[in-house]
Amino acid sequence: MARTLVVLVHPDLGASRVNAALAAGVRDLSNVTVHDLYAACPDLHIDVAREKRLLEEHDRVVLQFPFYWYSAPPLLKKWLDEVLERGWAYGPGGEALHGKRLQLVTAVGGQEELYRPDGLNRFPVRDLLSPFDATANLTGMRYEEPFVIHGSAYLDERELEQQVRRYRSLLQESMSIVA
């Protein structure tokens, strides 16, 4: 059975409604490890060896984060820079992640209509996340369709529960797929 690592990257999870609910909704799934990066790195120091071990132990990597200024929180960028080293994740001898799957789970405050060519933000979120697709390609990972929750700032409790169920279902379905 495939193992999934959820790298949860929220700088203030205690103040989060959507990302906290998503994480809480999947913590009990067998073969899913939720790794709260800000909790693991309170001083923003990344234990690269530990992070590499976690990645090696899992078949699928889910990066879960709030969508900030058309990107991810800064600790995720730092994590990518430090953990995905040349010779380990890419380049000569860099095959540690080959064949693994990468998926993004992100909560976007604005409604979907704001993220299209005629909308305020001009680009679909999928397009704004393309650097992660490029990262997957460089590291030999298979990039899966992002799980995007638009209008997260406006979800009522019923809608939030629906999103949590969708997320659980997504991770449960992937558990039966071997990389």
N, C-alpha and C. Protein backbone atom coordinates (compact mmCIF):
# COMPACT_ATOMS: atom_id res chain seq x y z
N MET A 1 0.84 -1.18 0.00
CA MET A 1 0.00 0.00 0.00
C MET A 1 0.89 1.25 0.00
N ALA A 2 0.52 2.21 -0.82
CA ALA A 2 1.30 3.44 -0.94
C ALA A 2 1.23 4.26 0.34
N ARG A 3 2.34 4.91 0.65
CA ARG A 3 2.40 5.80 1.83
C ARG A 3 2.45 7.24 1.35
N THR A 4 1.67 8.09 2.02
CA THR A 4 1.58 9.50 1.66
C THR A 4 2.14 10.37 2.78
N LEU A 5 3.01 11.29 2.40
CA LEU A 5 3.54 12.29 3.32
C LEU A 5 2.85 13.61 3.01
N VAL A 6 2.12 14.14 3.97
CA VAL A 6 1.53 15.47 3.83
C VAL A 6 2.46 16.45 4.53
N VAL A 7 3.11 17.30 3.75
CA VAL A 7 3.96 18.34 4.31
C VAL A 7 3.06 19.57 4.47
N LEU A 8 2.64 19.78 5.69
CA LEU A 8 1.73 20.86 6.04
C LEU A 8 2.56 22.11 6.33
N VAL A 9 2.30 23.19 5.57
CA VAL A 9 3.12 24.39 5.71
C VAL A 9 2.20 25.59 5.93
N HIS A 10 1.90 25.86 7.18
CA HIS A 10 1.08 27.01 7.55
C HIS A 10 1.76 27.72 8.70
N PRO A 11 2.11 29.00 8.53
CA PRO A 11 2.87 29.70 9.57
C PRO A 11 2.12 29.94 10.87
N ASP A 12 0.79 29.82 10.86
CA ASP A 12 0.01 30.01 12.09
C ASP A 12 -1.19 29.07 12.06
N LEU A 13 -0.90 27.79 12.17
CA LEU A 13 -1.95 26.77 12.06
C LEU A 13 -3.03 26.97 13.11
N GLY A 14 -2.66 27.47 14.27
CA GLY A 14 -3.64 27.71 15.33
C GLY A 14 -4.69 28.73 14.94
N ALA A 15 -4.35 29.64 14.05
CA ALA A 15 -5.29 30.66 13.59
C ALA A 15 -5.96 30.26 12.27
N SER A 16 -5.59 29.11 11.76
CA SER A 16 -6.14 28.65 10.49
C SER A 16 -7.44 27.91 10.70
N ARG A 17 -8.37 28.16 9.84
CA ARG A 17 -9.63 27.43 9.89
C ARG A 17 -9.61 26.30 8.86
N VAL A 18 -9.26 26.61 7.62
CA VAL A 18 -9.35 25.64 6.54
C VAL A 18 -8.19 24.63 6.58
N ASN A 19 -6.95 25.10 6.61
CA ASN A 19 -5.82 24.16 6.62
C ASN A 19 -5.81 23.31 7.88
N ALA A 20 -6.19 23.87 9.01
CA ALA A 20 -6.25 23.10 10.24
C ALA A 20 -7.31 22.00 10.13
N ALA A 21 -8.46 22.33 9.57
CA ALA A 21 -9.53 21.33 9.41
C ALA A 21 -9.11 20.24 8.44
N LEU A 22 -8.46 20.62 7.34
CA LEU A 22 -7.98 19.62 6.38
C LEU A 22 -6.99 18.66 7.03
N ALA A 23 -6.03 19.22 7.74
CA ALA A 23 -5.01 18.37 8.39
C ALA A 23 -5.64 17.46 9.43
N ALA A 24 -6.52 18.02 10.25
CA ALA A 24 -7.19 17.21 11.28
C ALA A 24 -8.03 16.11 10.64
N GLY A 25 -8.57 16.39 9.48
CA GLY A 25 -9.44 15.43 8.80
C GLY A 25 -8.73 14.25 8.18
N VAL A 26 -7.40 14.30 8.07
CA VAL A 26 -6.67 13.18 7.46
C VAL A 26 -5.63 12.56 8.38
N ARG A 27 -5.43 13.13 9.55
CA ARG A 27 -4.39 12.61 10.47
C ARG A 27 -4.60 11.15 10.85
N ASP A 28 -5.83 10.71 10.89
CA ASP A 28 -6.11 9.35 11.34
C ASP A 28 -6.04 8.31 10.22
N LEU A 29 -5.78 8.72 9.01
CA LEU A 29 -5.72 7.76 7.90
C LEU A 29 -4.46 6.90 8.01
N SER A 30 -4.65 5.60 7.83
CA SER A 30 -3.48 4.72 7.84
C SER A 30 -2.63 5.05 6.62
N ASN A 31 -1.35 4.94 6.76
CA ASN A 31 -0.39 5.21 5.69
C ASN A 31 -0.33 6.67 5.25
N VAL A 32 -0.84 7.58 6.08
CA VAL A 32 -0.70 9.01 5.83
C VAL A 32 0.04 9.61 7.02
N THR A 33 1.12 10.30 6.73
CA THR A 33 1.89 11.01 7.75
C THR A 33 1.70 12.50 7.52
N VAL A 34 1.15 13.20 8.53
CA VAL A 34 1.02 14.65 8.44
C VAL A 34 2.22 15.25 9.16
N HIS A 35 3.02 15.98 8.42
CA HIS A 35 4.26 16.58 8.93
C HIS A 35 4.11 18.09 8.91
N ASP A 36 3.88 18.68 10.08
CA ASP A 36 3.70 20.13 10.21
C ASP A 36 5.09 20.78 10.20
N LEU A 37 5.42 21.39 9.08
CA LEU A 37 6.77 21.91 8.90
C LEU A 37 7.09 23.07 9.84
N TYR A 38 6.14 23.96 10.08
CA TYR A 38 6.42 25.07 11.00
C TYR A 38 6.59 24.56 12.43
N ALA A 39 5.86 23.53 12.81
CA ALA A 39 6.02 22.95 14.15
C ALA A 39 7.37 22.24 14.25
N ALA A 40 7.79 21.58 13.17
CA ALA A 40 9.06 20.86 13.16
C ALA A 40 10.26 21.80 13.09
N CYS A 41 10.04 23.01 12.60
CA CYS A 41 11.12 23.98 12.40
C CYS A 41 10.75 25.32 13.02
N PRO A 42 10.52 25.37 14.32
CA PRO A 42 10.06 26.63 14.93
C PRO A 42 11.08 27.77 14.81
N ASP A 43 12.34 27.41 14.69
CA ASP A 43 13.39 28.43 14.52
C ASP A 43 13.76 28.61 13.05
N LEU A 44 12.94 27.99 12.18
CA LEU A 44 13.13 28.01 10.72
C LEU A 44 14.39 27.27 10.27
N HIS A 45 14.99 26.50 11.17
CA HIS A 45 16.13 25.64 10.82
C HIS A 45 15.57 24.30 10.36
N ILE A 46 15.95 23.88 9.18
CA ILE A 46 15.45 22.64 8.61
C ILE A 46 16.48 21.53 8.81
N ASP A 47 16.04 20.45 9.41
CA ASP A 47 16.88 19.26 9.56
C ASP A 47 16.80 18.50 8.24
N VAL A 48 17.70 18.79 7.35
CA VAL A 48 17.66 18.26 5.99
C VAL A 48 17.69 16.74 5.98
N ALA A 49 18.51 16.13 6.80
CA ALA A 49 18.60 14.66 6.83
C ALA A 49 17.25 14.05 7.22
N ARG A 50 16.59 14.63 8.22
CA ARG A 50 15.28 14.11 8.65
C ARG A 50 14.25 14.27 7.53
N GLU A 51 14.27 15.42 6.87
CA GLU A 51 13.30 15.67 5.80
C GLU A 51 13.52 14.71 4.64
N LYS A 52 14.77 14.44 4.31
CA LYS A 52 15.06 13.48 3.24
C LYS A 52 14.57 12.08 3.61
N ARG A 53 14.80 11.69 4.87
CA ARG A 53 14.31 10.37 5.32
C ARG A 53 12.80 10.27 5.16
N LEU A 54 12.09 11.32 5.57
CA LEU A 54 10.63 11.32 5.43
C LEU A 54 10.23 11.15 3.97
N LEU A 55 10.87 11.88 3.09
CA LEU A 55 10.55 11.78 1.67
C LEU A 55 10.84 10.38 1.13
N GLU A 56 11.97 9.81 1.54
CA GLU A 56 12.34 8.47 1.07
C GLU A 56 11.38 7.41 1.55
N GLU A 57 10.77 7.60 2.72
CA GLU A 57 9.87 6.61 3.31
C GLU A 57 8.46 6.63 2.72
N HIS A 58 8.17 7.57 1.86
CA HIS A 58 6.82 7.72 1.33
C HIS A 58 6.82 7.65 -0.20
N ASP A 59 5.69 7.23 -0.75
CA ASP A 59 5.54 7.09 -2.20
C ASP A 59 4.96 8.34 -2.83
N ARG A 60 4.24 9.09 -2.03
CA ARG A 60 3.54 10.27 -2.53
C ARG A 60 3.79 11.42 -1.56
N VAL A 61 4.00 12.61 -2.11
CA VAL A 61 4.22 13.80 -1.30
C VAL A 61 3.10 14.80 -1.62
N VAL A 62 2.42 15.22 -0.58
CA VAL A 62 1.38 16.24 -0.71
C VAL A 62 1.88 17.48 0.02
N LEU A 63 1.97 18.57 -0.71
CA LEU A 63 2.34 19.84 -0.10
C LEU A 63 1.05 20.61 0.16
N GLN A 64 0.72 20.80 1.43
CA GLN A 64 -0.52 21.47 1.81
C GLN A 64 -0.18 22.83 2.41
N PHE A 65 -0.77 23.89 1.84
CA PHE A 65 -0.43 25.24 2.29
C PHE A 65 -1.51 26.24 1.88
N PRO A 66 -1.57 27.37 2.57
CA PRO A 66 -2.44 28.46 2.12
C PRO A 66 -1.75 29.17 0.95
N PHE A 67 -2.54 29.62 0.00
CA PHE A 67 -2.02 30.31 -1.18
C PHE A 67 -1.83 31.78 -0.82
N TYR A 68 -0.56 32.19 -0.70
CA TYR A 68 -0.20 33.56 -0.32
C TYR A 68 0.44 34.28 -1.49
N TRP A 69 -0.06 35.42 -1.84
CA TRP A 69 0.56 36.25 -2.87
C TRP A 69 1.03 35.44 -4.06
N TYR A 70 0.14 34.63 -4.59
CA TYR A 70 0.38 33.83 -5.79
C TYR A 70 1.44 32.75 -5.59
N SER A 71 1.65 32.35 -4.36
CA SER A 71 2.69 31.37 -4.08
C SER A 71 2.40 30.67 -2.74
N ALA A 72 3.43 30.09 -2.18
CA ALA A 72 3.35 29.36 -0.92
C ALA A 72 4.05 30.13 0.20
N PRO A 73 3.80 29.74 1.45
CA PRO A 73 4.52 30.38 2.56
C PRO A 73 6.03 30.23 2.41
N PRO A 74 6.79 31.17 2.96
CA PRO A 74 8.25 31.19 2.74
C PRO A 74 8.99 29.94 3.23
N LEU A 75 8.52 29.30 4.26
CA LEU A 75 9.23 28.11 4.75
C LEU A 75 9.19 26.98 3.73
N LEU A 76 8.15 26.91 2.92
CA LEU A 76 8.10 25.88 1.89
C LEU A 76 9.17 26.12 0.84
N LYS A 77 9.37 27.36 0.44
CA LYS A 77 10.43 27.68 -0.52
C LYS A 77 11.80 27.33 0.06
N LYS A 78 12.02 27.67 1.31
CA LYS A 78 13.28 27.34 1.98
C LYS A 78 13.48 25.82 2.03
N TRP A 79 12.40 25.09 2.34
CA TRP A 79 12.44 23.63 2.41
C TRP A 79 12.82 23.06 1.04
N LEU A 80 12.20 23.55 -0.01
CA LEU A 80 12.54 23.08 -1.36
C LEU A 80 14.00 23.37 -1.68
N ASP A 81 14.46 24.57 -1.37
CA ASP A 81 15.84 24.96 -1.65
C ASP A 81 16.86 24.08 -0.92
N GLU A 82 16.57 23.76 0.33
CA GLU A 82 17.55 23.04 1.15
C GLU A 82 17.45 21.53 1.05
N VAL A 83 16.25 21.00 0.92
CA VAL A 83 16.07 19.54 0.94
C VAL A 83 16.28 18.92 -0.44
N LEU A 84 15.79 19.56 -1.47
CA LEU A 84 15.88 18.98 -2.82
C LEU A 84 17.23 19.31 -3.45
N GLU A 85 18.26 18.75 -2.88
CA GLU A 85 19.64 19.04 -3.28
C GLU A 85 20.03 18.33 -4.58
N ARG A 86 20.87 19.01 -5.32
CA ARG A 86 21.47 18.41 -6.51
C ARG A 86 22.29 17.19 -6.06
N GLY A 87 22.18 16.13 -6.80
CA GLY A 87 22.89 14.90 -6.46
C GLY A 87 22.04 13.99 -5.58
N TRP A 88 20.96 14.51 -5.04
CA TRP A 88 20.02 13.69 -4.26
C TRP A 88 18.65 13.70 -4.94
N ALA A 89 18.12 14.90 -5.22
CA ALA A 89 16.79 15.01 -5.81
C ALA A 89 16.83 15.19 -7.34
N TYR A 90 17.93 15.66 -7.86
CA TYR A 90 18.05 15.89 -9.30
C TYR A 90 19.53 15.93 -9.67
N GLY A 91 19.78 15.99 -10.96
CA GLY A 91 21.16 16.04 -11.44
C GLY A 91 21.83 14.67 -11.36
N PRO A 92 23.12 14.62 -11.65
CA PRO A 92 23.84 13.34 -11.60
C PRO A 92 23.68 12.67 -10.23
N GLY A 93 23.17 11.45 -10.23
CA GLY A 93 22.97 10.70 -8.99
C GLY A 93 21.74 11.11 -8.21
N GLY A 94 21.02 12.10 -8.68
CA GLY A 94 19.86 12.62 -7.96
C GLY A 94 18.57 11.94 -8.33
N GLU A 95 18.38 10.73 -7.83
CA GLU A 95 17.20 9.95 -8.20
C GLU A 95 16.34 9.56 -7.01
N ALA A 96 16.54 10.17 -5.87
CA ALA A 96 15.82 9.77 -4.65
C ALA A 96 14.30 9.91 -4.77
N LEU A 97 13.85 10.82 -5.60
CA LEU A 97 12.41 11.07 -5.70
C LEU A 97 11.79 10.52 -6.98
N HIS A 98 12.58 9.92 -7.83
CA HIS A 98 12.07 9.40 -9.10
C HIS A 98 10.92 8.43 -8.87
N GLY A 99 9.86 8.63 -9.62
CA GLY A 99 8.70 7.75 -9.56
C GLY A 99 7.70 8.09 -8.46
N LYS A 100 8.08 8.96 -7.54
CA LYS A 100 7.13 9.37 -6.50
C LYS A 100 6.13 10.35 -7.12
N ARG A 101 5.04 10.57 -6.43
CA ARG A 101 4.02 11.49 -6.91
C ARG A 101 4.01 12.74 -6.05
N LEU A 102 3.75 13.87 -6.69
CA LEU A 102 3.67 15.15 -5.99
C LEU A 102 2.31 15.77 -6.25
N GLN A 103 1.66 16.18 -5.17
CA GLN A 103 0.37 16.86 -5.31
C GLN A 103 0.33 18.05 -4.37
N LEU A 104 -0.31 19.11 -4.82
CA LEU A 104 -0.49 20.30 -4.01
C LEU A 104 -1.93 20.36 -3.52
N VAL A 105 -2.06 20.80 -2.27
CA VAL A 105 -3.37 21.06 -1.68
C VAL A 105 -3.28 22.47 -1.14
N THR A 106 -4.09 23.37 -1.70
CA THR A 106 -3.97 24.75 -1.30
C THR A 106 -5.33 25.41 -1.15
N ALA A 107 -5.40 26.29 -0.17
CA ALA A 107 -6.62 27.05 0.11
C ALA A 107 -6.39 28.48 -0.37
N VAL A 108 -7.26 28.92 -1.27
CA VAL A 108 -7.18 30.25 -1.86
C VAL A 108 -8.33 31.08 -1.29
N GLY A 109 -8.01 32.23 -0.73
CA GLY A 109 -9.05 33.06 -0.14
C GLY A 109 -10.07 33.54 -1.13
N GLY A 110 -9.64 33.93 -2.33
CA GLY A 110 -10.54 34.49 -3.34
C GLY A 110 -11.32 33.44 -4.11
N GLN A 111 -12.43 33.88 -4.65
CA GLN A 111 -13.28 33.00 -5.46
C GLN A 111 -12.61 32.66 -6.78
N GLU A 112 -13.02 31.55 -7.37
CA GLU A 112 -12.40 31.06 -8.61
C GLU A 112 -12.50 32.08 -9.75
N GLU A 113 -13.60 32.82 -9.84
CA GLU A 113 -13.76 33.77 -10.95
C GLU A 113 -12.71 34.89 -10.92
N LEU A 114 -12.07 35.09 -9.79
CA LEU A 114 -11.00 36.08 -9.71
C LEU A 114 -9.71 35.58 -10.36
N TYR A 115 -9.63 34.26 -10.58
CA TYR A 115 -8.42 33.62 -11.10
C TYR A 115 -8.66 33.06 -12.50
N ARG A 116 -8.92 33.96 -13.42
CA ARG A 116 -9.04 33.60 -14.83
C ARG A 116 -8.63 34.82 -15.65
N PRO A 117 -8.39 34.63 -16.95
CA PRO A 117 -7.85 35.74 -17.75
C PRO A 117 -8.63 37.06 -17.64
N ASP A 118 -9.93 37.00 -17.48
CA ASP A 118 -10.71 38.23 -17.36
C ASP A 118 -10.98 38.63 -15.91
N GLY A 119 -10.36 37.93 -14.98
CA GLY A 119 -10.56 38.21 -13.56
C GLY A 119 -9.47 39.11 -13.00
N LEU A 120 -9.64 39.50 -11.77
CA LEU A 120 -8.71 40.40 -11.09
C LEU A 120 -7.26 39.89 -11.12
N ASN A 121 -7.06 38.59 -10.92
CA ASN A 121 -5.71 38.04 -10.81
C ASN A 121 -5.15 37.50 -12.12
N ARG A 122 -5.95 37.53 -13.19
CA ARG A 122 -5.55 37.24 -14.57
C ARG A 122 -5.16 35.80 -14.89
N PHE A 123 -4.77 35.01 -13.93
CA PHE A 123 -4.30 33.66 -14.20
C PHE A 123 -5.03 32.65 -13.31
N PRO A 124 -5.32 31.47 -13.85
CA PRO A 124 -5.86 30.41 -13.00
C PRO A 124 -4.81 29.99 -11.96
N VAL A 125 -5.26 29.58 -10.80
CA VAL A 125 -4.33 29.13 -9.76
C VAL A 125 -3.44 28.02 -10.30
N ARG A 126 -3.98 27.12 -11.09
CA ARG A 126 -3.19 26.02 -11.67
C ARG A 126 -1.97 26.57 -12.38
N ASP A 127 -2.14 27.66 -13.13
CA ASP A 127 -1.01 28.27 -13.85
C ASP A 127 -0.01 28.91 -12.87
N LEU A 128 -0.52 29.53 -11.83
CA LEU A 128 0.36 30.18 -10.85
C LEU A 128 1.17 29.16 -10.06
N LEU A 129 0.70 27.91 -10.03
CA LEU A 129 1.42 26.84 -9.32
C LEU A 129 2.40 26.10 -10.24
N SER A 130 2.56 26.55 -11.46
CA SER A 130 3.42 25.82 -12.41
C SER A 130 4.87 25.62 -11.96
N PRO A 131 5.47 26.49 -11.12
CA PRO A 131 6.82 26.16 -10.64
C PRO A 131 6.90 24.82 -9.90
N PHE A 132 5.81 24.41 -9.25
CA PHE A 132 5.81 23.11 -8.58
C PHE A 132 5.77 21.97 -9.59
N ASP A 133 5.07 22.19 -10.69
CA ASP A 133 5.04 21.22 -11.78
C ASP A 133 6.46 21.06 -12.34
N ALA A 134 7.15 22.19 -12.53
CA ALA A 134 8.53 22.15 -13.02
C ALA A 134 9.45 21.43 -12.03
N THR A 135 9.22 21.65 -10.74
CA THR A 135 10.02 20.98 -9.70
C THR A 135 9.81 19.48 -9.76
N ALA A 136 8.55 19.05 -9.91
CA ALA A 136 8.25 17.62 -10.03
C ALA A 136 8.98 17.04 -11.24
N ASN A 137 8.91 17.74 -12.34
CA ASN A 137 9.57 17.26 -13.55
C ASN A 137 11.08 17.12 -13.35
N LEU A 138 11.70 18.13 -12.78
CA LEU A 138 13.15 18.12 -12.56
C LEU A 138 13.58 16.97 -11.65
N THR A 139 12.74 16.66 -10.67
CA THR A 139 13.10 15.63 -9.68
C THR A 139 12.58 14.24 -10.05
N GLY A 140 11.96 14.11 -11.21
CA GLY A 140 11.48 12.80 -11.65
C GLY A 140 10.20 12.36 -10.97
N MET A 141 9.48 13.30 -10.39
CA MET A 141 8.20 12.98 -9.75
C MET A 141 7.06 13.18 -10.75
N ARG A 142 5.96 12.51 -10.50
CA ARG A 142 4.76 12.70 -11.33
C ARG A 142 3.89 13.75 -10.64
N TYR A 143 3.60 14.80 -11.36
CA TYR A 143 2.81 15.91 -10.82
C TYR A 143 1.34 15.60 -11.00
N GLU A 144 0.60 15.59 -9.91
CA GLU A 144 -0.83 15.32 -9.96
C GLU A 144 -1.61 16.63 -9.92
N GLU A 145 -2.81 16.60 -10.41
CA GLU A 145 -3.67 17.78 -10.45
C GLU A 145 -3.81 18.37 -9.05
N PRO A 146 -3.54 19.67 -8.91
CA PRO A 146 -3.66 20.29 -7.58
C PRO A 146 -5.10 20.24 -7.05
N PHE A 147 -5.21 20.11 -5.76
CA PHE A 147 -6.49 20.16 -5.05
C PHE A 147 -6.59 21.59 -4.52
N VAL A 148 -7.42 22.39 -5.18
CA VAL A 148 -7.51 23.81 -4.86
C VAL A 148 -8.88 24.11 -4.26
N ILE A 149 -8.89 24.76 -3.13
CA ILE A 149 -10.13 25.21 -2.52
C ILE A 149 -10.21 26.72 -2.71
N HIS A 150 -11.04 27.14 -3.62
CA HIS A 150 -11.26 28.56 -3.86
C HIS A 150 -12.26 29.11 -2.85
N GLY A 151 -12.15 30.38 -2.55
CA GLY A 151 -13.11 31.04 -1.66
C GLY A 151 -13.04 30.52 -0.24
N SER A 152 -11.85 30.09 0.16
CA SER A 152 -11.71 29.49 1.49
C SER A 152 -12.09 30.46 2.61
N ALA A 153 -11.95 31.74 2.35
CA ALA A 153 -12.29 32.74 3.36
C ALA A 153 -13.80 32.84 3.58
N TYR A 154 -14.58 32.25 2.67
CA TYR A 154 -16.03 32.38 2.72
C TYR A 154 -16.77 31.07 2.96
N LEU A 155 -16.05 29.99 3.20
CA LEU A 155 -16.69 28.68 3.40
C LEU A 155 -17.49 28.66 4.70
N ASP A 156 -18.70 28.15 4.61
CA ASP A 156 -19.45 27.93 5.85
C ASP A 156 -19.06 26.54 6.37
N GLU A 157 -19.57 26.17 7.53
CA GLU A 157 -19.17 24.89 8.14
C GLU A 157 -19.50 23.69 7.27
N ARG A 158 -20.66 23.70 6.65
CA ARG A 158 -21.06 22.58 5.78
C ARG A 158 -20.11 22.46 4.60
N GLU A 159 -19.77 23.59 3.97
CA GLU A 159 -18.85 23.58 2.83
C GLU A 159 -17.45 23.12 3.25
N LEU A 160 -17.03 23.56 4.43
CA LEU A 160 -15.72 23.13 4.92
C LEU A 160 -15.70 21.63 5.17
N GLU A 161 -16.77 21.11 5.75
CA GLU A 161 -16.85 19.65 5.97
C GLU A 161 -16.82 18.90 4.66
N GLN A 162 -17.45 19.44 3.62
CA GLN A 162 -17.42 18.82 2.29
C GLN A 162 -15.98 18.77 1.75
N GLN A 163 -15.26 19.86 1.93
CA GLN A 163 -13.88 19.91 1.45
C GLN A 163 -13.01 18.91 2.21
N VAL A 164 -13.22 18.78 3.50
CA VAL A 164 -12.47 17.80 4.29
C VAL A 164 -12.78 16.39 3.80
N ARG A 165 -14.03 16.10 3.51
CA ARG A 165 -14.40 14.77 2.99
C ARG A 165 -13.75 14.53 1.63
N ARG A 166 -13.74 15.54 0.77
CA ARG A 166 -13.09 15.41 -0.54
C ARG A 166 -11.60 15.11 -0.37
N TYR A 167 -10.96 15.80 0.57
CA TYR A 167 -9.53 15.61 0.82
C TYR A 167 -9.26 14.19 1.33
N ARG A 168 -10.06 13.76 2.30
CA ARG A 168 -9.92 12.39 2.81
C ARG A 168 -10.06 11.37 1.68
N SER A 169 -11.07 11.57 0.86
CA SER A 169 -11.32 10.66 -0.25
C SER A 169 -10.13 10.64 -1.21
N LEU A 170 -9.60 11.81 -1.51
CA LEU A 170 -8.44 11.90 -2.38
C LEU A 170 -7.26 11.11 -1.82
N LEU A 171 -6.99 11.27 -0.54
CA LEU A 171 -5.86 10.56 0.07
C LEU A 171 -6.14 9.07 0.22
N GLN A 172 -7.37 8.70 0.49
CA GLN A 172 -7.70 7.28 0.60
C GLN A 172 -7.61 6.59 -0.75
N GLU A 173 -8.07 7.25 -1.80
CA GLU A 173 -7.96 6.67 -3.14
C GLU A 173 -6.50 6.46 -3.52
N SER A 174 -5.66 7.40 -3.17
CA SER A 174 -4.25 7.31 -3.55
C SER A 174 -3.52 6.24 -2.75
N MET A 175 -4.07 5.87 -1.60
CA MET A 175 -3.38 4.88 -0.77
C MET A 175 -3.35 3.51 -1.44
N SER A 176 -4.32 3.24 -2.31
CA SER A 176 -4.34 1.93 -2.95
C SER A 176 -3.51 1.90 -4.23
N ILE A 177 -3.02 3.05 -4.65
CA ILE A 177 -2.21 3.14 -5.86
C ILE A 177 -0.74 3.05 -5.46
N VAL A 178 -0.06 2.08 -5.95
CA VAL A 178 1.36 1.94 -5.65
C VAL A 178 2.16 2.69 -6.69
N ALA A 179 3.14 3.46 -6.24
CA ALA A 179 3.95 4.28 -7.17
C ALA A 179 4.74 3.40 -8.10
